[in-house]
């Protein structure tokens, strides 16, 4: 038996069975034909109901398949969008990674450079500390030598010994020893005695300088300025002149006289460019604010 399908119509099985039954009934007695027809009608009704149920189930399955197809298409669309979003995120992350790695690499290089510089500075500081220790030891040795000097003898105004008095060198070293110990109340009168007794010796300018520095250490800055001026006026060619001019500038700075202090620092650089205090004077000018005095 073959079922033929056309657009919207199906040759149902019961029609075929009806035709077969008709041929069968023609050969059956009348009283039996009725019974067979009734049974055949029942079978056809059952068969029709089964066909309708099968058709309904097929329709439901088709609807479900259509729904599943739509869901699958939506999932595919969503998956495609997710892939696009992931690609965008990956590109963004790649750009951010490049943007972070480059500065980090630069910073790492700078840190390495600073570390090397710090090591060099630390080595320089260690070397300076070592030299300072040696200088301090030399100062201690000088102090010990001064303390063991023989009794002094007097000298004339030029520093020559006159017998029975104190020599210029002995008096100066004694004052200097007290100065280094910080006993200014003892060092100051000794330097003053030295200048009164030996005003023309080579150490006279230094004695005057130390008097100015004692005033500076005692924060008597006006007095310090005057005493440093005496060094510059009375001993202009002395070996301590550069230090006196610089220290005068520092005293003026303590007195809040910035322009006057800057002028003194400029004079240090111009008059004593090769002195040890010239670089320090330049640093002080930068600190104050350099301008033409």
Protein backbone atom coordinates (compact mmCIF):
# COMPACT_ATOMS: atom_id res chain seq x y z
CA UNK A 1 0.00 0.00 0.00
CA UNK A 2 1.37 3.48 -0.95
CA UNK A 3 0.26 6.80 0.51
CA UNK A 4 0.30 9.73 -1.98
CA UNK A 5 0.97 13.30 -0.60
CA UNK A 6 -0.05 16.47 -2.47
CA UNK A 7 -0.17 20.16 -1.42
CA UNK A 8 -2.30 20.00 1.74
CA UNK A 9 -4.06 16.68 0.91
CA UNK A 10 -3.25 13.09 1.90
CA UNK A 11 -4.90 9.94 0.49
CA UNK A 12 -5.80 8.43 3.82
CA UNK A 13 -5.46 4.77 4.59
CA UNK A 14 -9.11 4.30 5.39
CA UNK A 15 -10.12 5.19 1.81
CA UNK A 16 -7.97 2.39 0.48
CA UNK A 17 -9.30 0.04 3.09
CA UNK A 18 -12.86 1.05 2.15
CA UNK A 19 -12.25 0.13 -1.46
CA UNK A 20 -10.78 -3.20 -0.44
CA UNK A 21 -13.68 -3.80 1.91
CA UNK A 22 -16.18 -3.13 -0.83
CA UNK A 23 -14.58 -5.80 -2.97
CA UNK A 24 -14.56 -8.15 -0.01
CA UNK A 25 -18.19 -7.40 0.87
CA UNK A 26 -19.34 -8.24 -2.62
CA UNK A 27 -18.40 -11.84 -1.98
CA UNK A 28 -19.92 -11.99 1.55
CA UNK A 29 -23.63 -12.72 2.34
CA UNK A 30 -25.82 -9.73 3.22
CA UNK A 31 -26.34 -10.57 6.89
CA UNK A 32 -22.60 -10.81 7.34
CA UNK A 33 -21.92 -7.72 5.26
CA UNK A 34 -23.57 -5.43 7.79
CA UNK A 35 -21.52 -6.77 10.60
CA UNK A 36 -18.34 -6.43 8.59
CA UNK A 37 -19.22 -2.90 7.52
CA UNK A 38 -19.84 -1.86 11.12
CA UNK A 39 -16.54 -3.37 12.21
CA UNK A 40 -14.84 -1.76 9.26
CA UNK A 41 -16.31 1.64 10.16
CA UNK A 42 -15.04 1.23 13.71
CA UNK A 43 -11.60 0.35 12.46
CA UNK A 44 -11.61 3.33 10.11
CA UNK A 45 -12.71 5.66 12.92
CA UNK A 46 -9.90 4.37 15.11
CA UNK A 47 -7.50 4.69 12.22
CA UNK A 48 -8.65 8.25 11.53
CA UNK A 49 -8.14 9.17 15.16
CA UNK A 50 -4.63 7.67 15.07
CA UNK A 51 -3.86 9.62 11.90
CA UNK A 52 -5.11 12.85 13.48
CA UNK A 53 -3.08 12.20 16.62
CA UNK A 54 -0.01 11.43 14.54
CA UNK A 55 -0.56 14.60 12.51
CA UNK A 56 -0.96 16.63 15.71
CA UNK A 57 2.24 15.16 17.17
CA UNK A 58 4.11 15.86 13.94
CA UNK A 59 2.85 19.47 14.02
CA UNK A 60 3.98 19.85 17.65
CA UNK A 61 7.35 18.38 16.79
CA UNK A 62 7.67 20.79 13.87
CA UNK A 63 6.86 23.70 16.18
CA UNK A 64 9.39 22.47 18.71
CA UNK A 65 11.99 22.05 16.00
CA UNK A 66 11.28 25.59 14.81
CA UNK A 67 11.63 26.90 18.38
CA UNK A 68 14.86 24.97 18.88
CA UNK A 69 16.11 26.31 15.55
CA UNK A 70 15.33 29.88 16.64
CA UNK A 71 17.04 29.31 19.98
CA UNK A 72 20.05 27.81 18.23
CA UNK A 73 20.21 30.77 15.86
CA UNK A 74 19.97 33.16 18.81
CA UNK A 75 22.74 31.24 20.58
CA UNK A 76 24.85 31.43 17.43
CA UNK A 77 24.24 35.18 17.20
CA UNK A 78 25.05 35.63 20.89
CA UNK A 79 28.16 33.49 20.50
CA UNK A 80 29.28 35.61 17.56
CA UNK A 81 28.78 38.79 19.54
CA UNK A 82 30.68 37.29 22.47
CA UNK A 83 33.54 36.38 20.16
CA UNK A 84 33.60 39.94 18.86
CA UNK A 85 33.52 41.34 22.40
CA UNK A 86 36.33 39.00 23.47
CA UNK A 87 38.39 40.09 20.46
CA UNK A 88 37.83 43.75 21.36
CA UNK A 89 38.82 43.06 24.99
CA UNK A 90 41.93 41.18 23.88
CA UNK A 91 42.99 44.09 21.66
CA UNK A 92 42.34 46.54 24.49
CA UNK A 93 44.33 44.40 26.92
CA UNK A 94 47.20 44.19 24.43
CA UNK A 95 47.27 47.99 24.11
CA UNK A 96 47.09 48.45 27.89
CA UNK A 97 49.85 45.90 28.38
CA UNK A 98 52.08 47.76 25.93
CA UNK A 99 51.20 51.05 27.65
CA UNK A 100 52.18 49.62 31.06
CA UNK A 101 55.25 47.59 30.10
CA UNK A 102 57.04 50.51 28.42
CA UNK A 103 56.87 52.89 31.44
CA UNK A 104 57.75 50.04 33.81
CA UNK A 105 60.80 49.20 31.71
CA UNK A 106 61.81 52.87 31.67
CA UNK A 107 61.36 53.16 35.44
CA UNK A 108 63.38 49.99 35.98
CA UNK A 109 66.20 51.42 33.89
CA UNK A 110 66.12 54.67 35.85
CA UNK A 111 66.12 52.79 39.15
CA UNK A 112 69.18 50.85 38.04
CA UNK A 113 70.88 54.11 37.06
CA UNK A 114 70.00 55.75 40.38
CA UNK A 115 71.24 52.69 42.24
CA UNK A 116 74.57 52.92 40.46
CA UNK A 117 74.80 56.64 41.22
CA UNK A 118 73.91 56.05 44.86
CA UNK A 119 76.63 53.43 45.11
CA UNK A 120 79.14 55.91 43.66
CA UNK A 121 78.00 58.61 46.10
CA UNK A 122 78.25 56.21 49.00
CA UNK A 123 81.76 55.27 48.01
CA UNK A 124 82.68 58.95 47.77
CA UNK A 125 81.18 59.58 51.24
CA UNK A 126 83.10 56.64 52.66
CA UNK A 127 86.30 58.01 51.17
CA UNK A 128 85.59 61.49 52.58
CA UNK A 129 84.88 59.99 55.99
CA UNK A 130 88.17 58.15 55.81
CA UNK A 131 90.01 61.37 54.93
CA UNK A 132 88.18 63.24 57.68
CA UNK A 133 89.28 60.60 60.17
CA UNK A 134 92.86 61.10 59.09
CA UNK A 135 92.53 64.88 59.42
CA UNK A 136 91.05 64.51 62.88
CA UNK A 137 93.92 62.26 63.84
CA UNK A 138 96.38 64.86 62.56
CA UNK A 139 94.61 67.53 64.61
CA UNK A 140 94.89 65.35 67.69
CA UNK A 141 98.57 64.84 66.98
CA UNK A 142 99.06 68.61 66.69
CA UNK A 143 97.24 69.14 69.96
CA UNK A 144 99.46 66.59 71.65
CA UNK A 145 102.54 68.28 70.22
CA UNK A 146 101.34 71.68 71.39
CA UNK A 147 100.73 70.37 74.89
CA UNK A 148 104.35 69.13 75.10
CA UNK A 149 106.02 72.33 73.86
CA UNK A 150 108.73 73.81 76.12
CA UNK A 151 108.07 76.98 78.15
CA UNK A 152 107.69 80.02 75.85
CA UNK A 153 110.00 83.00 75.52
CA UNK A 154 109.04 86.59 74.70
CA UNK A 155 109.46 87.99 71.20
CA UNK A 156 109.54 91.50 69.84
CA UNK A 157 106.87 92.93 67.55
CA UNK A 158 108.15 90.99 64.58
CA UNK A 159 107.95 87.65 66.36
CA UNK A 160 111.63 87.42 67.43
CA UNK A 161 112.36 85.92 70.86
CA UNK A 162 113.35 88.44 73.57
CA UNK A 163 114.00 85.97 76.37
CA UNK A 164 111.92 85.25 79.44
CA UNK A 165 108.57 85.74 77.60
CA UNK A 166 106.14 83.91 75.32
CA UNK A 167 106.94 83.35 71.64
CA UNK A 168 104.37 84.26 68.99
CA UNK A 169 104.09 80.67 67.84
CA UNK A 170 103.51 79.38 71.36
CA UNK A 171 100.83 81.96 72.09
CA UNK A 172 99.11 81.34 68.76
CA UNK A 173 99.15 77.55 69.19
CA UNK A 174 97.78 77.83 72.72
CA UNK A 175 94.92 80.04 71.52
CA UNK A 176 94.30 77.74 68.57
CA UNK A 177 94.22 74.69 70.83
CA UNK A 178 91.58 76.31 73.03
CA UNK A 179 89.65 77.34 69.92
CA UNK A 180 89.52 73.76 68.62
CA UNK A 181 88.42 72.53 72.04
CA UNK A 182 85.58 75.07 71.95
CA UNK A 183 86.82 76.96 75.00
CA UNK A 184 86.30 80.34 73.36
CA UNK A 185 86.43 82.25 76.64
CA UNK A 186 90.10 81.25 76.85
CA UNK A 187 90.96 81.36 73.15
CA UNK A 188 89.55 84.83 72.49
CA UNK A 189 91.80 86.81 74.90
CA UNK A 190 94.85 84.86 73.71
CA UNK A 191 94.18 85.79 70.08
CA UNK A 192 93.68 89.42 71.15
CA UNK A 193 96.99 89.31 73.07
CA UNK A 194 98.65 87.85 70.01
CA UNK A 195 97.42 90.68 67.78
CA UNK A 196 98.49 93.29 70.32
CA UNK A 197 101.95 91.76 70.77
CA UNK A 198 102.62 90.46 67.24
CA UNK A 199 100.45 92.40 64.74
CA UNK A 200 102.83 91.93 61.81
CA UNK A 201 103.60 88.22 61.88
CA UNK A 202 102.37 85.85 59.18
CA UNK A 203 99.84 84.38 61.63
CA UNK A 204 98.32 87.73 62.58
CA UNK A 205 95.66 87.53 59.84
CA UNK A 206 94.67 84.09 61.04
CA UNK A 207 94.41 85.26 64.65
CA UNK A 208 92.07 88.02 63.49
CA UNK A 209 90.06 85.49 61.46
CA UNK A 210 89.66 83.20 64.45
CA UNK A 211 88.40 86.12 66.52
CA UNK A 212 85.74 86.71 63.88
CA UNK A 213 84.84 83.05 63.83
CA UNK A 214 84.54 82.93 67.62
CA UNK A 215 82.01 85.77 67.40
CA UNK A 216 80.23 83.86 64.63
CA UNK A 217 80.11 80.65 66.71
CA UNK A 218 78.71 82.64 69.63
CA UNK A 219 76.06 84.07 67.26
CA UNK A 220 77.39 87.60 67.67
CA UNK A 221 77.01 88.19 63.96
CA UNK A 222 77.38 92.01 63.95
CA UNK A 223 80.68 91.68 65.82
CA UNK A 224 81.72 88.85 63.50
CA UNK A 225 81.17 91.07 60.43
CA UNK A 226 83.40 93.77 61.92
CA UNK A 227 86.16 91.32 62.82
CA UNK A 228 86.12 89.72 59.35
CA UNK A 229 86.28 93.23 57.86
CA UNK A 230 89.48 93.80 59.86
CA UNK A 231 91.02 90.72 58.23
CA UNK A 232 90.16 92.04 54.77
CA UNK A 233 91.27 95.61 55.48
CA UNK A 234 94.43 95.02 57.54
CA UNK A 235 95.62 91.82 55.84
CA UNK A 236 94.29 92.00 52.26
CA UNK A 237 96.91 89.61 50.93
CA UNK A 238 96.71 87.11 53.77
CA UNK A 239 96.17 83.45 53.09
CA UNK A 240 92.99 83.52 55.14
CA UNK A 241 91.34 86.39 53.22
CA UNK A 242 89.11 84.16 51.09
CA UNK A 243 87.76 82.39 54.16
CA UNK A 244 87.21 85.70 55.95
CA UNK A 245 85.23 87.12 53.02
CA UNK A 246 83.12 83.99 52.77
CA UNK A 247 82.46 83.88 56.53
CA UNK A 248 81.51 87.56 56.45
CA UNK A 249 78.91 86.69 53.83
CA UNK A 250 77.58 83.89 56.06
CA UNK A 251 77.32 86.31 59.02
CA UNK A 252 75.37 88.77 56.85
CA UNK A 253 73.13 85.92 55.77
CA UNK A 254 72.42 85.14 59.42
CA UNK A 255 71.50 88.80 59.88
CA UNK A 256 68.91 88.44 57.06
CA UNK A 257 70.91 90.73 54.74
CA UNK A 258 70.63 88.64 51.62
CA UNK A 259 71.80 91.19 49.00
CA UNK A 260 74.87 92.15 51.08
CA UNK A 261 75.68 88.47 51.68
CA UNK A 262 75.33 87.72 47.97
CA UNK A 263 77.75 90.55 47.19
CA UNK A 264 80.36 89.07 49.53
CA UNK A 265 79.95 85.63 47.90
CA UNK A 266 80.43 87.23 44.47
CA UNK A 267 83.61 88.89 45.76
CA UNK A 268 84.91 85.50 46.91
CA UNK A 269 84.41 84.06 43.42
CA UNK A 270 85.95 87.09 41.68
CA UNK A 271 88.92 87.66 44.03
CA UNK A 272 89.66 84.05 44.99
CA UNK A 273 88.35 81.83 42.17
CA UNK A 274 90.76 78.98 43.00
CA UNK A 275 90.10 78.95 46.73
CA UNK A 276 88.39 76.08 48.52
CA UNK A 277 85.44 78.28 49.47
CA UNK A 278 84.70 79.52 45.93
CA UNK A 279 82.44 76.53 45.04
CA UNK A 280 80.66 76.90 48.38
CA UNK A 281 80.10 80.59 47.66
CA UNK A 282 78.53 79.67 44.31
CA UNK A 283 76.20 77.26 46.09
CA UNK A 284 75.17 79.98 48.53
CA UNK A 285 74.43 82.37 45.66
CA UNK A 286 72.15 79.79 44.07
CA UNK A 287 70.46 79.25 47.42
CA UNK A 288 69.82 82.97 47.91
CA UNK A 289 68.84 83.60 44.30
CA UNK A 290 71.49 84.84 41.93
CA UNK A 291 71.25 88.36 40.54
CA UNK A 292 73.71 91.12 39.73
CA UNK A 293 74.69 92.67 43.07
